[in-house]
Amino acid sequence: MEPEPEPEPTGAKNTAEKQKEHVAAASKKGKQLQRWQIRKMVPIQLELDGKDPNVTVEWIDAMFDQFDEDGSNTIDDAEWDNLVEVLRRP
């Protein structure tokens, strides 16, 4: 039996690690992401992909509206995958 990892001290994780964890947790299968979550995740995704994360809320909202194909006012897994694909284009 492997020993349990020691808990990290508060504040030990850097921002990039926290961002990666947030993106991974929010994009797990079955998630329905709300607009406020997409507003946080798009800049994180851009930064992870080596792009400029400084985008406006209006730009993110336009992306949200474009990729919320079913009009549910949430972004599901497939919609998020499509949005990320477009974000990664040159």
N, C-alpha and C. Protein backbone atom coordinates (compact mmCIF):
# COMPACT_ATOMS: atom_id res chain seq x y z
N MET A 1 0.84 -1.18 0.00
CA MET A 1 0.00 0.00 0.00
C MET A 1 0.89 1.24 0.00
N GLU A 2 0.59 2.16 -0.91
CA GLU A 2 1.39 3.37 -1.01
C GLU A 2 0.95 4.37 0.04
N PRO A 3 1.91 5.10 0.60
CA PRO A 3 1.54 6.13 1.57
C PRO A 3 0.82 7.27 0.87
N GLU A 4 -0.08 7.90 1.61
CA GLU A 4 -0.81 9.05 1.06
C GLU A 4 0.14 10.22 0.92
N PRO A 5 -0.02 10.99 -0.15
CA PRO A 5 0.86 12.16 -0.30
C PRO A 5 0.57 13.18 0.80
N GLU A 6 1.61 13.85 1.19
CA GLU A 6 1.48 14.88 2.22
C GLU A 6 0.71 16.06 1.65
N PRO A 7 -0.19 16.65 2.41
CA PRO A 7 -0.92 17.81 1.90
C PRO A 7 0.04 18.97 1.66
N GLU A 8 -0.23 19.70 0.60
CA GLU A 8 0.60 20.85 0.29
C GLU A 8 0.25 22.00 1.21
N PRO A 9 1.24 22.77 1.61
CA PRO A 9 0.94 23.94 2.43
C PRO A 9 0.07 24.92 1.65
N THR A 10 -0.73 25.66 2.36
CA THR A 10 -1.60 26.65 1.74
C THR A 10 -0.77 27.61 0.90
N GLY A 11 -1.23 27.87 -0.31
CA GLY A 11 -0.54 28.80 -1.20
C GLY A 11 0.66 28.21 -1.90
N ALA A 12 0.88 26.88 -1.78
CA ALA A 12 2.07 26.28 -2.37
C ALA A 12 1.97 26.14 -3.89
N LYS A 13 0.78 26.00 -4.40
CA LYS A 13 0.63 25.84 -5.85
C LYS A 13 0.70 27.20 -6.52
N ASN A 14 1.40 27.20 -7.64
CA ASN A 14 1.47 28.47 -8.37
C ASN A 14 0.21 28.65 -9.22
N THR A 15 0.07 29.81 -9.77
CA THR A 15 -1.13 30.16 -10.52
C THR A 15 -1.33 29.24 -11.71
N ALA A 16 -0.28 28.92 -12.44
CA ALA A 16 -0.41 28.06 -13.62
C ALA A 16 -0.95 26.68 -13.23
N GLU A 17 -0.47 26.13 -12.13
CA GLU A 17 -0.96 24.82 -11.68
C GLU A 17 -2.43 24.90 -11.30
N LYS A 18 -2.81 25.96 -10.61
CA LYS A 18 -4.21 26.14 -10.24
C LYS A 18 -5.08 26.27 -11.48
N GLN A 19 -4.60 27.02 -12.48
CA GLN A 19 -5.35 27.20 -13.71
C GLN A 19 -5.54 25.88 -14.43
N LYS A 20 -4.48 25.08 -14.52
CA LYS A 20 -4.57 23.79 -15.19
C LYS A 20 -5.58 22.89 -14.48
N GLU A 21 -5.55 22.89 -13.16
CA GLU A 21 -6.49 22.08 -12.40
C GLU A 21 -7.93 22.55 -12.62
N HIS A 22 -8.12 23.86 -12.67
CA HIS A 22 -9.46 24.42 -12.88
C HIS A 22 -10.00 24.01 -14.25
N VAL A 23 -9.16 24.14 -15.28
CA VAL A 23 -9.57 23.76 -16.63
C VAL A 23 -9.89 22.28 -16.68
N ALA A 24 -9.03 21.47 -16.08
CA ALA A 24 -9.25 20.01 -16.11
C ALA A 24 -10.54 19.64 -15.38
N ALA A 25 -10.76 20.23 -14.22
CA ALA A 25 -11.96 19.90 -13.45
C ALA A 25 -13.22 20.37 -14.15
N ALA A 26 -13.18 21.54 -14.72
CA ALA A 26 -14.37 22.09 -15.35
C ALA A 26 -14.70 21.43 -16.68
N SER A 27 -13.70 20.82 -17.31
CA SER A 27 -13.96 20.22 -18.61
C SER A 27 -14.15 18.71 -18.54
N LYS A 28 -14.32 18.18 -17.32
CA LYS A 28 -14.60 16.75 -17.19
C LYS A 28 -15.92 16.43 -17.87
N LYS A 29 -16.04 15.20 -18.33
CA LYS A 29 -17.24 14.78 -19.04
C LYS A 29 -18.49 15.01 -18.19
N GLY A 30 -19.52 15.47 -18.85
CA GLY A 30 -20.80 15.68 -18.19
C GLY A 30 -20.98 17.05 -17.57
N LYS A 31 -19.99 17.90 -17.68
CA LYS A 31 -20.10 19.24 -17.09
C LYS A 31 -20.89 20.17 -17.99
N GLN A 32 -21.60 21.05 -17.37
CA GLN A 32 -22.31 22.13 -18.05
C GLN A 32 -21.72 23.42 -17.53
N LEU A 33 -20.96 24.10 -18.36
CA LEU A 33 -20.26 25.30 -17.94
C LEU A 33 -21.12 26.53 -18.17
N GLN A 34 -21.21 27.36 -17.16
CA GLN A 34 -21.99 28.59 -17.25
C GLN A 34 -21.12 29.70 -17.81
N ARG A 35 -21.78 30.80 -18.17
CA ARG A 35 -21.08 31.93 -18.79
C ARG A 35 -19.93 32.44 -17.91
N TRP A 36 -20.15 32.57 -16.61
CA TRP A 36 -19.09 33.09 -15.74
C TRP A 36 -17.90 32.15 -15.72
N GLN A 37 -18.14 30.85 -15.85
CA GLN A 37 -17.04 29.89 -15.89
C GLN A 37 -16.25 30.01 -17.19
N ILE A 38 -16.96 30.19 -18.28
CA ILE A 38 -16.31 30.35 -19.58
C ILE A 38 -15.48 31.63 -19.59
N ARG A 39 -15.99 32.67 -18.94
CA ARG A 39 -15.23 33.93 -18.85
C ARG A 39 -13.89 33.72 -18.15
N LYS A 40 -13.84 32.79 -17.22
CA LYS A 40 -12.57 32.49 -16.53
C LYS A 40 -11.72 31.50 -17.32
N MET A 41 -12.37 30.56 -17.97
CA MET A 41 -11.64 29.47 -18.62
C MET A 41 -11.01 29.85 -19.96
N VAL A 42 -11.66 30.71 -20.72
CA VAL A 42 -11.11 31.07 -22.03
C VAL A 42 -9.72 31.71 -21.90
N PRO A 43 -9.52 32.71 -21.05
CA PRO A 43 -8.16 33.25 -20.91
C PRO A 43 -7.16 32.19 -20.43
N ILE A 44 -7.59 31.31 -19.55
CA ILE A 44 -6.71 30.24 -19.07
C ILE A 44 -6.32 29.33 -20.23
N GLN A 45 -7.31 28.95 -21.03
CA GLN A 45 -7.04 28.08 -22.17
C GLN A 45 -6.10 28.76 -23.16
N LEU A 46 -6.34 30.03 -23.42
CA LEU A 46 -5.45 30.77 -24.33
C LEU A 46 -4.02 30.78 -23.80
N GLU A 47 -3.87 31.03 -22.51
CA GLU A 47 -2.52 31.05 -21.91
C GLU A 47 -1.86 29.68 -21.99
N LEU A 48 -2.62 28.63 -21.71
CA LEU A 48 -2.08 27.27 -21.80
C LEU A 48 -1.62 26.93 -23.21
N ASP A 49 -2.30 27.52 -24.20
CA ASP A 49 -1.95 27.27 -25.60
C ASP A 49 -0.91 28.25 -26.13
N GLY A 50 -0.35 29.08 -25.24
CA GLY A 50 0.71 30.00 -25.63
C GLY A 50 0.21 31.23 -26.37
N LYS A 51 -1.05 31.56 -26.19
CA LYS A 51 -1.62 32.74 -26.85
C LYS A 51 -1.87 33.83 -25.82
N ASP A 52 -2.15 35.03 -26.33
CA ASP A 52 -2.40 36.17 -25.46
C ASP A 52 -3.75 35.98 -24.74
N PRO A 53 -3.73 35.90 -23.40
CA PRO A 53 -4.97 35.69 -22.67
C PRO A 53 -5.76 36.96 -22.40
N ASN A 54 -5.26 38.09 -22.87
CA ASN A 54 -5.92 39.38 -22.60
C ASN A 54 -7.01 39.63 -23.63
N VAL A 55 -8.17 39.07 -23.36
CA VAL A 55 -9.33 39.26 -24.24
C VAL A 55 -10.44 39.90 -23.42
N THR A 56 -11.35 40.55 -24.10
CA THR A 56 -12.43 41.24 -23.40
C THR A 56 -13.56 40.29 -23.02
N VAL A 57 -14.31 40.70 -22.02
CA VAL A 57 -15.49 39.94 -21.61
C VAL A 57 -16.47 39.88 -22.78
N GLU A 58 -16.58 40.97 -23.52
CA GLU A 58 -17.49 41.00 -24.67
C GLU A 58 -17.10 39.96 -25.72
N TRP A 59 -15.80 39.82 -25.96
CA TRP A 59 -15.31 38.83 -26.93
C TRP A 59 -15.63 37.43 -26.44
N ILE A 60 -15.40 37.18 -25.15
CA ILE A 60 -15.69 35.86 -24.59
C ILE A 60 -17.19 35.58 -24.66
N ASP A 61 -18.02 36.57 -24.34
CA ASP A 61 -19.47 36.39 -24.41
C ASP A 61 -19.92 36.08 -25.84
N ALA A 62 -19.30 36.73 -26.82
CA ALA A 62 -19.64 36.44 -28.22
C ALA A 62 -19.27 35.01 -28.57
N MET A 63 -18.12 34.54 -28.08
CA MET A 63 -17.72 33.14 -28.30
C MET A 63 -18.71 32.22 -27.62
N PHE A 64 -19.10 32.54 -26.40
CA PHE A 64 -20.08 31.73 -25.67
C PHE A 64 -21.36 31.61 -26.49
N ASP A 65 -21.87 32.73 -26.95
CA ASP A 65 -23.12 32.73 -27.71
C ASP A 65 -22.98 31.94 -29.01
N GLN A 66 -21.83 32.04 -29.65
CA GLN A 66 -21.61 31.32 -30.90
C GLN A 66 -21.56 29.81 -30.68
N PHE A 67 -20.97 29.37 -29.59
CA PHE A 67 -20.77 27.94 -29.37
C PHE A 67 -21.82 27.28 -28.49
N ASP A 68 -22.72 28.06 -27.93
CA ASP A 68 -23.86 27.49 -27.20
C ASP A 68 -24.91 27.11 -28.24
N GLU A 69 -24.61 26.04 -28.97
CA GLU A 69 -25.41 25.65 -30.13
C GLU A 69 -26.85 25.29 -29.79
N ASP A 70 -27.06 24.72 -28.60
CA ASP A 70 -28.42 24.29 -28.24
C ASP A 70 -29.20 25.38 -27.51
N GLY A 71 -28.59 26.54 -27.29
CA GLY A 71 -29.27 27.66 -26.64
C GLY A 71 -29.61 27.41 -25.18
N SER A 72 -28.86 26.52 -24.53
CA SER A 72 -29.13 26.15 -23.14
C SER A 72 -28.56 27.16 -22.14
N ASN A 73 -27.80 28.14 -22.64
CA ASN A 73 -27.11 29.10 -21.80
C ASN A 73 -26.06 28.44 -20.92
N THR A 74 -25.59 27.27 -21.36
CA THR A 74 -24.43 26.58 -20.79
C THR A 74 -23.63 26.00 -21.94
N ILE A 75 -22.38 25.70 -21.67
CA ILE A 75 -21.51 25.07 -22.67
C ILE A 75 -21.26 23.64 -22.20
N ASP A 76 -21.68 22.67 -23.02
CA ASP A 76 -21.46 21.27 -22.66
C ASP A 76 -20.10 20.82 -23.21
N ASP A 77 -19.78 19.56 -23.00
CA ASP A 77 -18.46 19.04 -23.41
C ASP A 77 -18.18 19.24 -24.89
N ALA A 78 -19.13 18.87 -25.73
CA ALA A 78 -18.92 18.98 -27.17
C ALA A 78 -18.76 20.44 -27.58
N GLU A 79 -19.57 21.32 -27.01
CA GLU A 79 -19.47 22.75 -27.33
C GLU A 79 -18.14 23.32 -26.87
N TRP A 80 -17.67 22.90 -25.70
CA TRP A 80 -16.37 23.36 -25.20
C TRP A 80 -15.25 22.88 -26.12
N ASP A 81 -15.32 21.61 -26.54
CA ASP A 81 -14.30 21.07 -27.44
C ASP A 81 -14.26 21.88 -28.74
N ASN A 82 -15.42 22.24 -29.28
CA ASN A 82 -15.47 23.05 -30.50
C ASN A 82 -14.89 24.44 -30.27
N LEU A 83 -15.21 25.04 -29.13
CA LEU A 83 -14.70 26.37 -28.80
C LEU A 83 -13.17 26.33 -28.68
N VAL A 84 -12.66 25.33 -28.00
CA VAL A 84 -11.20 25.21 -27.82
C VAL A 84 -10.51 25.00 -29.17
N GLU A 85 -11.13 24.22 -30.03
CA GLU A 85 -10.55 23.99 -31.36
C GLU A 85 -10.38 25.32 -32.10
N VAL A 86 -11.37 26.18 -32.01
CA VAL A 86 -11.29 27.49 -32.66
C VAL A 86 -10.26 28.37 -31.97
N LEU A 87 -10.19 28.33 -30.65
CA LEU A 87 -9.18 29.12 -29.92
C LEU A 87 -7.77 28.73 -30.32
N ARG A 88 -7.57 27.48 -30.66
CA ARG A 88 -6.22 26.99 -30.98
C ARG A 88 -5.79 27.28 -32.42
N ARG A 89 -6.71 27.73 -33.25
CA ARG A 89 -6.35 28.05 -34.64
C ARG A 89 -5.43 29.25 -34.67
N PRO A 90 -4.50 29.24 -35.64
CA PRO A 90 -3.59 30.39 -35.77
C PRO A 90 -4.29 31.65 -36.21
